[in-house]
ModelCIF file with pLDDT and N, C-alpha, C, O atoms, coordinates in Angstrom:
data_MODEL
#
_entry.id   MODEL 
#
_entity.id                         1 
_entity.type                       polymer 
_entity.pdbx_number_of_molecules   1 
#
_entity_poly.entity_id                      1 
_entity_poly.type                           'polypeptide(L)' 
_entity_poly.nstd_linkage                   no 
_entity_poly.nstd_monomer                   no 
_entity_poly.pdbx_seq_one_letter_code       HQASAIIAAWPDWVPVPTHLIAHVNKLHMVGGISRFEPPTKSCQRSGV 
_entity_poly.pdbx_seq_one_letter_code_can   HQASAIIAAWPDWVPVPTHLIAHVNKLHMVGGISRFEPPTKSCQRSGV 
_entity_poly.pdbx_strand_id                 A 
#
loop_
_entity_poly_seq.entity_id 
_entity_poly_seq.num 
_entity_poly_seq.mon_id 
_entity_poly_seq.hetero 
1 1  HIS n 
1 2  GLN n 
1 3  ALA n 
1 4  SER n 
1 5  ALA n 
1 6  ILE n 
1 7  ILE n 
1 8  ALA n 
1 9  ALA n 
1 10 TRP n 
1 11 PRO n 
1 12 ASP n 
1 13 TRP n 
1 14 VAL n 
1 15 PRO n 
1 16 VAL n 
1 17 PRO n 
1 18 THR n 
1 19 HIS n 
1 20 LEU n 
1 21 ILE n 
1 22 ALA n 
1 23 HIS n 
1 24 VAL n 
1 25 ASN n 
1 26 LYS n 
1 27 LEU n 
1 28 HIS n 
1 29 MET n 
1 30 VAL n 
1 31 GLY n 
1 32 GLY n 
1 33 ILE n 
1 34 SER n 
1 35 ARG n 
1 36 PHE n 
1 37 GLU n 
1 38 PRO n 
1 39 PRO n 
1 40 THR n 
1 41 LYS n 
1 42 SER n 
1 43 CYS n 
1 44 GLN n 
1 45 ARG n 
1 46 SER n 
1 47 GLY n 
1 48 VAL n 
#
_struct_asym.id          A 
_struct_asym.entity_id   1 
#
loop_
_ma_qa_metric.id 
_ma_qa_metric.mode 
_ma_qa_metric.name 
_ma_qa_metric.software_group_id 
_ma_qa_metric.type 
1 global pLDDT . pLDDT 
2 local  pLDDT . pLDDT 
#
_ma_qa_metric_global.metric_id      1 
_ma_qa_metric_global.metric_value   94.33 
_ma_qa_metric_global.model_id       1 
_ma_qa_metric_global.ordinal_id     1 
#
loop_
_ma_qa_metric_local.label_asym_id 
_ma_qa_metric_local.label_comp_id 
_ma_qa_metric_local.label_seq_id 
_ma_qa_metric_local.metric_id 
_ma_qa_metric_local.metric_value 
_ma_qa_metric_local.model_id 
_ma_qa_metric_local.ordinal_id 
A HIS 1  2 97.00 1 1  
A GLN 2  2 97.00 1 2  
A ALA 3  2 98.00 1 3  
A SER 4  2 98.00 1 4  
A ALA 5  2 98.00 1 5  
A ILE 6  2 98.00 1 6  
A ILE 7  2 98.00 1 7  
A ALA 8  2 98.00 1 8  
A ALA 9  2 98.00 1 9  
A TRP 10 2 98.00 1 10 
A PRO 11 2 98.00 1 11 
A ASP 12 2 97.00 1 12 
A TRP 13 2 98.00 1 13 
A VAL 14 2 97.00 1 14 
A PRO 15 2 96.00 1 15 
A VAL 16 2 96.00 1 16 
A PRO 17 2 95.00 1 17 
A THR 18 2 94.00 1 18 
A HIS 19 2 95.00 1 19 
A LEU 20 2 97.00 1 20 
A ILE 21 2 96.00 1 21 
A ALA 22 2 96.00 1 22 
A HIS 23 2 97.00 1 23 
A VAL 24 2 97.00 1 24 
A ASN 25 2 97.00 1 25 
A LYS 26 2 98.00 1 26 
A LEU 27 2 98.00 1 27 
A HIS 28 2 98.00 1 28 
A MET 29 2 98.00 1 29 
A VAL 30 2 98.00 1 30 
A GLY 31 2 98.00 1 31 
A GLY 32 2 98.00 1 32 
A ILE 33 2 98.00 1 33 
A SER 34 2 96.00 1 34 
A ARG 35 2 93.00 1 35 
A PHE 36 2 93.00 1 36 
A GLU 37 2 90.00 1 37 
A PRO 38 2 88.00 1 38 
A PRO 39 2 87.00 1 39 
A THR 40 2 80.00 1 40 
A LYS 41 2 78.00 1 41 
A SER 42 2 77.00 1 42 
A CYS 43 2 82.00 1 43 
A GLN 44 2 87.00 1 44 
A ARG 45 2 91.00 1 45 
A SER 46 2 90.00 1 46 
A GLY 47 2 93.00 1 47 
A VAL 48 2 95.00 1 48 
#
loop_
_atom_site.group_PDB 
_atom_site.id 
_atom_site.type_symbol 
_atom_site.label_atom_id 
_atom_site.label_alt_id 
_atom_site.label_comp_id 
_atom_site.label_asym_id 
_atom_site.label_entity_id 
_atom_site.label_seq_id 
_atom_site.pdbx_PDB_ins_code 
_atom_site.Cartn_x 
_atom_site.Cartn_y 
_atom_site.Cartn_z 
_atom_site.occupancy 
_atom_site.B_iso_or_equiv 
_atom_site.pdbx_formal_charge 
_atom_site.auth_seq_id 
_atom_site.auth_comp_id 
_atom_site.auth_asym_id 
_atom_site.auth_atom_id 
_atom_site.pdbx_PDB_model_num 
ATOM 1   N N  . HIS A 1 1  ? 46.964 -45.389 -102.033 1.00 97.00 ? 1  HIS A N  1 
ATOM 2   C CA . HIS A 1 1  ? 47.710 -44.987 -100.983 1.00 97.00 ? 1  HIS A CA 1 
ATOM 3   C C  . HIS A 1 1  ? 48.722 -43.777 -101.525 1.00 97.00 ? 1  HIS A C  1 
ATOM 4   O O  . HIS A 1 1  ? 48.943 -42.744 -100.892 1.00 97.00 ? 1  HIS A O  1 
ATOM 5   N N  . GLN A 1 2  ? 49.335 -44.137 -102.921 1.00 97.00 ? 2  GLN A N  1 
ATOM 6   C CA . GLN A 1 2  ? 49.749 -43.054 -103.142 1.00 97.00 ? 2  GLN A CA 1 
ATOM 7   C C  . GLN A 1 2  ? 49.311 -41.463 -103.087 1.00 97.00 ? 2  GLN A C  1 
ATOM 8   O O  . GLN A 1 2  ? 49.630 -40.485 -102.411 1.00 97.00 ? 2  GLN A O  1 
ATOM 9   N N  . ALA A 1 3  ? 48.440 -41.736 -104.128 1.00 98.00 ? 3  ALA A N  1 
ATOM 10  C CA . ALA A 1 3  ? 47.906 -40.627 -104.535 1.00 98.00 ? 3  ALA A CA 1 
ATOM 11  C C  . ALA A 1 3  ? 47.710 -39.465 -103.830 1.00 98.00 ? 3  ALA A C  1 
ATOM 12  O O  . ALA A 1 3  ? 47.937 -39.687 -102.640 1.00 98.00 ? 3  ALA A O  1 
ATOM 13  N N  . SER A 1 4  ? 47.451 -38.545 -103.991 1.00 98.00 ? 4  SER A N  1 
ATOM 14  C CA . SER A 1 4  ? 47.385 -36.787 -103.085 1.00 98.00 ? 4  SER A CA 1 
ATOM 15  C C  . SER A 1 4  ? 45.722 -37.051 -103.048 1.00 98.00 ? 4  SER A C  1 
ATOM 16  O O  . SER A 1 4  ? 45.047 -37.077 -102.019 1.00 98.00 ? 4  SER A O  1 
ATOM 17  N N  . ALA A 1 5  ? 45.313 -37.206 -104.178 1.00 98.00 ? 5  ALA A N  1 
ATOM 18  C CA . ALA A 1 5  ? 43.931 -37.436 -104.210 1.00 98.00 ? 5  ALA A CA 1 
ATOM 19  C C  . ALA A 1 5  ? 43.349 -38.329 -105.390 1.00 98.00 ? 5  ALA A C  1 
ATOM 20  O O  . ALA A 1 5  ? 43.991 -38.789 -106.333 1.00 98.00 ? 5  ALA A O  1 
ATOM 21  N N  . ILE A 1 6  ? 42.154 -38.455 -105.161 1.00 98.00 ? 6  ILE A N  1 
ATOM 22  C CA . ILE A 1 6  ? 41.673 -39.503 -106.012 1.00 98.00 ? 6  ILE A CA 1 
ATOM 23  C C  . ILE A 1 6  ? 40.084 -38.985 -106.468 1.00 98.00 ? 6  ILE A C  1 
ATOM 24  O O  . ILE A 1 6  ? 39.167 -38.818 -105.665 1.00 98.00 ? 6  ILE A O  1 
ATOM 25  N N  . ILE A 1 7  ? 39.985 -38.750 -108.141 1.00 98.00 ? 7  ILE A N  1 
ATOM 26  C CA . ILE A 1 7  ? 38.620 -38.161 -108.506 1.00 98.00 ? 7  ILE A CA 1 
ATOM 27  C C  . ILE A 1 7  ? 38.037 -39.637 -109.268 1.00 98.00 ? 7  ILE A C  1 
ATOM 28  O O  . ILE A 1 7  ? 38.650 -40.532 -109.850 1.00 98.00 ? 7  ILE A O  1 
ATOM 29  N N  . ALA A 1 8  ? 36.486 -39.429 -108.957 1.00 98.00 ? 8  ALA A N  1 
ATOM 30  C CA . ALA A 1 8  ? 35.554 -40.643 -109.097 1.00 98.00 ? 8  ALA A CA 1 
ATOM 31  C C  . ALA A 1 8  ? 35.128 -39.973 -110.106 1.00 98.00 ? 8  ALA A C  1 
ATOM 32  O O  . ALA A 1 8  ? 35.508 -38.813 -109.948 1.00 98.00 ? 8  ALA A O  1 
ATOM 33  N N  . ALA A 1 9  ? 34.252 -40.130 -111.529 1.00 98.00 ? 9  ALA A N  1 
ATOM 34  C CA . ALA A 1 9  ? 34.082 -39.810 -112.293 1.00 98.00 ? 9  ALA A CA 1 
ATOM 35  C C  . ALA A 1 9  ? 32.335 -40.144 -112.006 1.00 98.00 ? 9  ALA A C  1 
ATOM 36  O O  . ALA A 1 9  ? 31.660 -40.199 -113.034 1.00 98.00 ? 9  ALA A O  1 
ATOM 37  N N  . TRP A 1 10 ? 31.854 -40.287 -111.134 1.00 98.00 ? 10 TRP A N  1 
ATOM 38  C CA . TRP A 1 10 ? 30.509 -40.911 -110.844 1.00 98.00 ? 10 TRP A CA 1 
ATOM 39  C C  . TRP A 1 10 ? 30.042 -39.478 -110.116 1.00 98.00 ? 10 TRP A C  1 
ATOM 40  O O  . TRP A 1 10 ? 30.812 -38.527 -109.983 1.00 98.00 ? 10 TRP A O  1 
ATOM 41  N N  . PRO A 1 11 ? 28.526 -39.487 -109.627 1.00 98.00 ? 11 PRO A N  1 
ATOM 42  C CA . PRO A 1 11 ? 28.142 -38.619 -108.632 1.00 98.00 ? 11 PRO A CA 1 
ATOM 43  C C  . PRO A 1 11 ? 28.325 -38.825 -107.026 1.00 98.00 ? 11 PRO A C  1 
ATOM 44  O O  . PRO A 1 11 ? 28.714 -39.882 -106.529 1.00 98.00 ? 11 PRO A O  1 
ATOM 45  N N  . ASP A 1 12 ? 27.993 -37.674 -106.305 1.00 97.00 ? 12 ASP A N  1 
ATOM 46  C CA . ASP A 1 12 ? 28.265 -37.863 -104.755 1.00 97.00 ? 12 ASP A CA 1 
ATOM 47  C C  . ASP A 1 12 ? 27.323 -38.819 -103.523 1.00 97.00 ? 12 ASP A C  1 
ATOM 48  O O  . ASP A 1 12 ? 27.415 -38.968 -102.305 1.00 97.00 ? 12 ASP A O  1 
ATOM 49  N N  . TRP A 1 13 ? 26.201 -39.452 -104.845 1.00 98.00 ? 13 TRP A N  1 
ATOM 50  C CA . TRP A 1 13 ? 25.404 -40.068 -103.946 1.00 98.00 ? 13 TRP A CA 1 
ATOM 51  C C  . TRP A 1 13 ? 25.585 -41.314 -103.954 1.00 98.00 ? 13 TRP A C  1 
ATOM 52  O O  . TRP A 1 13 ? 24.865 -42.030 -103.259 1.00 98.00 ? 13 TRP A O  1 
ATOM 53  N N  . VAL A 1 14 ? 26.709 -41.906 -104.840 1.00 97.00 ? 14 VAL A N  1 
ATOM 54  C CA . VAL A 1 14 ? 26.854 -43.174 -105.257 1.00 97.00 ? 14 VAL A CA 1 
ATOM 55  C C  . VAL A 1 14 ? 27.732 -44.000 -103.663 1.00 97.00 ? 14 VAL A C  1 
ATOM 56  O O  . VAL A 1 14 ? 28.906 -43.736 -103.404 1.00 97.00 ? 14 VAL A O  1 
ATOM 57  N N  . PRO A 1 15 ? 27.044 -44.786 -102.951 1.00 96.00 ? 15 PRO A N  1 
ATOM 58  C CA . PRO A 1 15 ? 28.031 -45.267 -101.846 1.00 96.00 ? 15 PRO A CA 1 
ATOM 59  C C  . PRO A 1 15 ? 29.387 -45.664 -102.359 1.00 96.00 ? 15 PRO A C  1 
ATOM 60  O O  . PRO A 1 15 ? 29.690 -46.368 -103.322 1.00 96.00 ? 15 PRO A O  1 
ATOM 61  N N  . VAL A 1 16 ? 30.330 -44.860 -101.225 1.00 96.00 ? 16 VAL A N  1 
ATOM 62  C CA . VAL A 1 16 ? 31.411 -45.381 -101.431 1.00 96.00 ? 16 VAL A CA 1 
ATOM 63  C C  . VAL A 1 16 ? 31.796 -46.846 -101.760 1.00 96.00 ? 16 VAL A C  1 
ATOM 64  O O  . VAL A 1 16 ? 31.225 -47.661 -101.035 1.00 96.00 ? 16 VAL A O  1 
ATOM 65  N N  . PRO A 1 17 ? 32.603 -47.347 -102.655 1.00 95.00 ? 17 PRO A N  1 
ATOM 66  C CA . PRO A 1 17 ? 32.964 -48.883 -102.907 1.00 95.00 ? 17 PRO A CA 1 
ATOM 67  C C  . PRO A 1 17 ? 33.802 -49.296 -101.635 1.00 95.00 ? 17 PRO A C  1 
ATOM 68  O O  . PRO A 1 17 ? 34.527 -48.572 -100.953 1.00 95.00 ? 17 PRO A O  1 
ATOM 69  N N  . THR A 1 18 ? 33.639 -50.080 -101.548 1.00 94.00 ? 18 THR A N  1 
ATOM 70  C CA . THR A 1 18 ? 34.696 -50.706 -100.058 1.00 94.00 ? 18 THR A CA 1 
ATOM 71  C C  . THR A 1 18 ? 36.018 -50.901 -100.437 1.00 94.00 ? 18 THR A C  1 
ATOM 72  O O  . THR A 1 18 ? 36.833 -51.043 -99.525  1.00 94.00 ? 18 THR A O  1 
ATOM 73  N N  . HIS A 1 19 ? 36.522 -50.950 -101.934 1.00 95.00 ? 19 HIS A N  1 
ATOM 74  C CA . HIS A 1 19 ? 37.791 -50.656 -102.098 1.00 95.00 ? 19 HIS A CA 1 
ATOM 75  C C  . HIS A 1 19 ? 38.680 -49.200 -101.642 1.00 95.00 ? 19 HIS A C  1 
ATOM 76  O O  . HIS A 1 19 ? 39.834 -48.813 -101.457 1.00 95.00 ? 19 HIS A O  1 
ATOM 77  N N  . LEU A 1 20 ? 37.354 -48.748 -101.611 1.00 97.00 ? 20 LEU A N  1 
ATOM 78  C CA . LEU A 1 20 ? 37.982 -46.916 -101.330 1.00 97.00 ? 20 LEU A CA 1 
ATOM 79  C C  . LEU A 1 20 ? 37.679 -46.160 -100.184 1.00 97.00 ? 20 LEU A C  1 
ATOM 80  O O  . LEU A 1 20 ? 37.801 -44.947 -100.009 1.00 97.00 ? 20 LEU A O  1 
ATOM 81  N N  . ILE A 1 21 ? 37.140 -47.303 -99.193  1.00 96.00 ? 21 ILE A N  1 
ATOM 82  C CA . ILE A 1 21 ? 36.593 -46.779 -97.993  1.00 96.00 ? 21 ILE A CA 1 
ATOM 83  C C  . ILE A 1 21 ? 37.897 -45.939 -97.486  1.00 96.00 ? 21 ILE A C  1 
ATOM 84  O O  . ILE A 1 21 ? 37.929 -44.725 -97.284  1.00 96.00 ? 21 ILE A O  1 
ATOM 85  N N  . ALA A 1 22 ? 39.087 -46.979 -97.308  1.00 96.00 ? 22 ALA A N  1 
ATOM 86  C CA . ALA A 1 22 ? 40.149 -46.522 -96.672  1.00 96.00 ? 22 ALA A CA 1 
ATOM 87  C C  . ALA A 1 22 ? 40.803 -45.506 -97.426  1.00 96.00 ? 22 ALA A C  1 
ATOM 88  O O  . ALA A 1 22 ? 42.015 -45.508 -97.212  1.00 96.00 ? 22 ALA A O  1 
ATOM 89  N N  . HIS A 1 23 ? 40.415 -44.622 -98.251  1.00 97.00 ? 23 HIS A N  1 
ATOM 90  C CA . HIS A 1 23 ? 40.971 -43.444 -99.107  1.00 97.00 ? 23 HIS A CA 1 
ATOM 91  C C  . HIS A 1 23 ? 39.924 -42.367 -98.586  1.00 97.00 ? 23 HIS A C  1 
ATOM 92  O O  . HIS A 1 23 ? 40.415 -41.264 -98.344  1.00 97.00 ? 23 HIS A O  1 
ATOM 93  N N  . VAL A 1 24 ? 38.651 -42.504 -98.392  1.00 97.00 ? 24 VAL A N  1 
ATOM 94  C CA . VAL A 1 24 ? 38.030 -41.491 -98.700  1.00 97.00 ? 24 VAL A CA 1 
ATOM 95  C C  . VAL A 1 24 ? 38.010 -40.234 -98.013  1.00 97.00 ? 24 VAL A C  1 
ATOM 96  O O  . VAL A 1 24 ? 37.063 -39.466 -98.185  1.00 97.00 ? 24 VAL A O  1 
ATOM 97  N N  . ASN A 1 25 ? 38.915 -39.961 -97.289  1.00 97.00 ? 25 ASN A N  1 
ATOM 98  C CA . ASN A 1 25 ? 39.233 -38.839 -96.864  1.00 97.00 ? 25 ASN A CA 1 
ATOM 99  C C  . ASN A 1 25 ? 39.922 -37.941 -98.139  1.00 97.00 ? 25 ASN A C  1 
ATOM 100 O O  . ASN A 1 25 ? 39.726 -36.731 -98.028  1.00 97.00 ? 25 ASN A O  1 
ATOM 101 N N  . LYS A 1 26 ? 40.765 -38.404 -99.432  1.00 98.00 ? 26 LYS A N  1 
ATOM 102 C CA . LYS A 1 26 ? 40.835 -37.966 -100.358 1.00 98.00 ? 26 LYS A CA 1 
ATOM 103 C C  . LYS A 1 26 ? 40.314 -38.032 -101.935 1.00 98.00 ? 26 LYS A C  1 
ATOM 104 O O  . LYS A 1 26 ? 40.699 -37.540 -102.995 1.00 98.00 ? 26 LYS A O  1 
ATOM 105 N N  . LEU A 1 27 ? 39.133 -38.983 -101.481 1.00 98.00 ? 27 LEU A N  1 
ATOM 106 C CA . LEU A 1 27 ? 37.951 -39.039 -102.394 1.00 98.00 ? 27 LEU A CA 1 
ATOM 107 C C  . LEU A 1 27 ? 36.952 -38.123 -103.086 1.00 98.00 ? 27 LEU A C  1 
ATOM 108 O O  . LEU A 1 27 ? 35.827 -37.880 -102.650 1.00 98.00 ? 27 LEU A O  1 
ATOM 109 N N  . HIS A 1 28 ? 37.438 -37.674 -104.125 1.00 98.00 ? 28 HIS A N  1 
ATOM 110 C CA . HIS A 1 28 ? 36.280 -36.554 -104.902 1.00 98.00 ? 28 HIS A CA 1 
ATOM 111 C C  . HIS A 1 28 ? 35.274 -36.453 -106.024 1.00 98.00 ? 28 HIS A C  1 
ATOM 112 O O  . HIS A 1 28 ? 35.397 -35.766 -107.038 1.00 98.00 ? 28 HIS A O  1 
ATOM 113 N N  . MET A 1 29 ? 33.947 -37.480 -105.596 1.00 98.00 ? 29 MET A N  1 
ATOM 114 C CA . MET A 1 29 ? 33.230 -37.903 -106.508 1.00 98.00 ? 29 MET A CA 1 
ATOM 115 C C  . MET A 1 29 ? 32.529 -36.607 -107.052 1.00 98.00 ? 29 MET A C  1 
ATOM 116 O O  . MET A 1 29 ? 31.844 -35.805 -106.417 1.00 98.00 ? 29 MET A O  1 
ATOM 117 N N  . VAL A 1 30 ? 32.944 -36.596 -108.695 1.00 98.00 ? 30 VAL A N  1 
ATOM 118 C CA . VAL A 1 30 ? 32.490 -35.164 -108.896 1.00 98.00 ? 30 VAL A CA 1 
ATOM 119 C C  . VAL A 1 30 ? 31.749 -35.029 -109.889 1.00 98.00 ? 30 VAL A C  1 
ATOM 120 O O  . VAL A 1 30 ? 31.797 -34.015 -110.585 1.00 98.00 ? 30 VAL A O  1 
ATOM 121 N N  . GLY A 1 31 ? 30.797 -36.198 -110.166 1.00 98.00 ? 31 GLY A N  1 
ATOM 122 C CA . GLY A 1 31 ? 29.864 -36.737 -111.512 1.00 98.00 ? 31 GLY A CA 1 
ATOM 123 C C  . GLY A 1 31 ? 30.319 -37.040 -112.617 1.00 98.00 ? 31 GLY A C  1 
ATOM 124 O O  . GLY A 1 31 ? 31.497 -36.762 -112.840 1.00 98.00 ? 31 GLY A O  1 
ATOM 125 N N  . GLY A 1 32 ? 29.619 -37.618 -113.509 1.00 98.00 ? 32 GLY A N  1 
ATOM 126 C CA . GLY A 1 32 ? 29.828 -37.457 -114.938 1.00 98.00 ? 32 GLY A CA 1 
ATOM 127 C C  . GLY A 1 32 ? 30.914 -36.969 -115.558 1.00 98.00 ? 32 GLY A C  1 
ATOM 128 O O  . GLY A 1 32 ? 30.766 -35.901 -114.965 1.00 98.00 ? 32 GLY A O  1 
ATOM 129 N N  . ILE A 1 33 ? 31.727 -36.804 -116.113 1.00 98.00 ? 33 ILE A N  1 
ATOM 130 C CA . ILE A 1 33 ? 32.664 -36.030 -117.307 1.00 98.00 ? 33 ILE A CA 1 
ATOM 131 C C  . ILE A 1 33 ? 32.679 -36.584 -118.406 1.00 98.00 ? 33 ILE A C  1 
ATOM 132 O O  . ILE A 1 33 ? 33.202 -37.642 -118.758 1.00 98.00 ? 33 ILE A O  1 
ATOM 133 N N  . SER A 1 34 ? 31.965 -35.685 -119.065 1.00 96.00 ? 34 SER A N  1 
ATOM 134 C CA . SER A 1 34 ? 31.430 -35.305 -120.642 1.00 96.00 ? 34 SER A CA 1 
ATOM 135 C C  . SER A 1 34 ? 32.544 -34.438 -121.104 1.00 96.00 ? 34 SER A C  1 
ATOM 136 O O  . SER A 1 34 ? 32.822 -33.495 -120.363 1.00 96.00 ? 34 SER A O  1 
ATOM 137 N N  . ARG A 1 35 ? 33.394 -34.622 -122.453 1.00 93.00 ? 35 ARG A N  1 
ATOM 138 C CA . ARG A 1 35 ? 34.175 -33.819 -123.100 1.00 93.00 ? 35 ARG A CA 1 
ATOM 139 C C  . ARG A 1 35 ? 33.392 -32.551 -123.648 1.00 93.00 ? 35 ARG A C  1 
ATOM 140 O O  . ARG A 1 35 ? 33.990 -31.525 -123.975 1.00 93.00 ? 35 ARG A O  1 
ATOM 141 N N  . PHE A 1 36 ? 31.793 -32.714 -123.737 1.00 93.00 ? 36 PHE A N  1 
ATOM 142 C CA . PHE A 1 36 ? 31.112 -31.710 -124.585 1.00 93.00 ? 36 PHE A CA 1 
ATOM 143 C C  . PHE A 1 36 ? 30.271 -30.826 -123.378 1.00 93.00 ? 36 PHE A C  1 
ATOM 144 O O  . PHE A 1 36 ? 29.885 -31.386 -122.352 1.00 93.00 ? 36 PHE A O  1 
ATOM 145 N N  . GLU A 1 37 ? 30.056 -29.460 -123.623 1.00 90.00 ? 37 GLU A N  1 
ATOM 146 C CA . GLU A 1 37 ? 29.609 -28.530 -122.493 1.00 90.00 ? 37 GLU A CA 1 
ATOM 147 C C  . GLU A 1 37 ? 28.008 -29.140 -122.896 1.00 90.00 ? 37 GLU A C  1 
ATOM 148 O O  . GLU A 1 37 ? 27.592 -29.626 -123.947 1.00 90.00 ? 37 GLU A O  1 
ATOM 149 N N  . PRO A 1 38 ? 27.277 -28.864 -121.483 1.00 88.00 ? 38 PRO A N  1 
ATOM 150 C CA . PRO A 1 38 ? 25.572 -28.690 -121.737 1.00 88.00 ? 38 PRO A CA 1 
ATOM 151 C C  . PRO A 1 38 ? 24.940 -28.029 -123.010 1.00 88.00 ? 38 PRO A C  1 
ATOM 152 O O  . PRO A 1 38 ? 25.249 -26.894 -123.372 1.00 88.00 ? 38 PRO A O  1 
ATOM 153 N N  . PRO A 1 39 ? 24.129 -28.739 -123.594 1.00 87.00 ? 39 PRO A N  1 
ATOM 154 C CA . PRO A 1 39 ? 23.548 -28.057 -124.652 1.00 87.00 ? 39 PRO A CA 1 
ATOM 155 C C  . PRO A 1 39 ? 22.993 -26.613 -124.244 1.00 87.00 ? 39 PRO A C  1 
ATOM 156 O O  . PRO A 1 39 ? 22.746 -26.468 -123.047 1.00 87.00 ? 39 PRO A O  1 
ATOM 157 N N  . THR A 1 40 ? 22.808 -25.716 -124.949 1.00 80.00 ? 40 THR A N  1 
ATOM 158 C CA . THR A 1 40 ? 21.530 -24.354 -124.718 1.00 80.00 ? 40 THR A CA 1 
ATOM 159 C C  . THR A 1 40 ? 20.471 -24.838 -124.628 1.00 80.00 ? 40 THR A C  1 
ATOM 160 O O  . THR A 1 40 ? 19.878 -25.046 -123.570 1.00 80.00 ? 40 THR A O  1 
ATOM 161 N N  . LYS A 1 41 ? 20.008 -25.134 -125.939 1.00 78.00 ? 41 LYS A N  1 
ATOM 162 C CA . LYS A 1 41 ? 18.778 -26.086 -126.539 1.00 78.00 ? 41 LYS A CA 1 
ATOM 163 C C  . LYS A 1 41 ? 18.269 -27.167 -126.488 1.00 78.00 ? 41 LYS A C  1 
ATOM 164 O O  . LYS A 1 41 ? 18.921 -28.209 -126.437 1.00 78.00 ? 41 LYS A O  1 
ATOM 165 N N  . SER A 1 42 ? 16.998 -27.102 -126.493 1.00 77.00 ? 42 SER A N  1 
ATOM 166 C CA . SER A 1 42 ? 16.927 -28.828 -126.713 1.00 77.00 ? 42 SER A CA 1 
ATOM 167 C C  . SER A 1 42 ? 16.012 -28.572 -128.095 1.00 77.00 ? 42 SER A C  1 
ATOM 168 O O  . SER A 1 42 ? 15.543 -27.565 -128.626 1.00 77.00 ? 42 SER A O  1 
ATOM 169 N N  . CYS A 1 43 ? 16.001 -30.189 -128.439 1.00 82.00 ? 43 CYS A N  1 
ATOM 170 C CA . CYS A 1 43 ? 15.577 -30.343 -130.266 1.00 82.00 ? 43 CYS A CA 1 
ATOM 171 C C  . CYS A 1 43 ? 14.189 -31.656 -129.839 1.00 82.00 ? 43 CYS A C  1 
ATOM 172 O O  . CYS A 1 43 ? 14.073 -32.307 -128.801 1.00 82.00 ? 43 CYS A O  1 
ATOM 173 N N  . GLN A 1 44 ? 13.480 -31.665 -130.845 1.00 87.00 ? 44 GLN A N  1 
ATOM 174 C CA . GLN A 1 44 ? 12.266 -32.391 -130.873 1.00 87.00 ? 44 GLN A CA 1 
ATOM 175 C C  . GLN A 1 44 ? 12.788 -33.669 -131.161 1.00 87.00 ? 44 GLN A C  1 
ATOM 176 O O  . GLN A 1 44 ? 13.457 -33.893 -132.169 1.00 87.00 ? 44 GLN A O  1 
ATOM 177 N N  . ARG A 1 45 ? 12.487 -34.572 -130.253 1.00 91.00 ? 45 ARG A N  1 
ATOM 178 C CA . ARG A 1 45 ? 13.096 -35.915 -130.406 1.00 91.00 ? 45 ARG A CA 1 
ATOM 179 C C  . ARG A 1 45 ? 12.351 -37.030 -131.407 1.00 91.00 ? 45 ARG A C  1 
ATOM 180 O O  . ARG A 1 45 ? 11.128 -37.019 -131.542 1.00 91.00 ? 45 ARG A O  1 
ATOM 181 N N  . SER A 1 46 ? 13.059 -37.826 -131.976 1.00 90.00 ? 46 SER A N  1 
ATOM 182 C CA . SER A 1 46 ? 12.570 -39.165 -132.826 1.00 90.00 ? 46 SER A CA 1 
ATOM 183 C C  . SER A 1 46 ? 13.064 -39.877 -132.990 1.00 90.00 ? 46 SER A C  1 
ATOM 184 O O  . SER A 1 46 ? 14.169 -39.383 -132.768 1.00 90.00 ? 46 SER A O  1 
ATOM 185 N N  . GLY A 1 47 ? 13.300 -41.107 -133.319 1.00 93.00 ? 47 GLY A N  1 
ATOM 186 C CA . GLY A 1 47 ? 14.299 -41.983 -133.738 1.00 93.00 ? 47 GLY A CA 1 
ATOM 187 C C  . GLY A 1 47 ? 15.009 -42.907 -132.704 1.00 93.00 ? 47 GLY A C  1 
ATOM 188 O O  . GLY A 1 47 ? 14.898 -42.798 -131.483 1.00 93.00 ? 47 GLY A O  1 
ATOM 189 N N  . VAL A 1 48 ? 15.634 -43.680 -133.261 1.00 95.00 ? 48 VAL A N  1 
ATOM 190 C CA . VAL A 1 48 ? 16.475 -44.818 -131.761 1.00 95.00 ? 48 VAL A CA 1 
ATOM 191 C C  . VAL A 1 48 ? 17.821 -44.457 -132.442 1.00 95.00 ? 48 VAL A C  1 
ATOM 192 O O  . VAL A 1 48 ? 18.880 -44.880 -131.979 1.00 95.00 ? 48 VAL A O  1 
#
């Protein structure tokens, strides 16, 4: 209630949780936040 904006680190297609419905006008679902930049090249995958 006190916040000017609420950031949610999940995708915008996730249904708004019931506890956030009252605050949906200031809710911003921005996607998962990683501390790394997306890689520019791929690798051959093996191992667990």
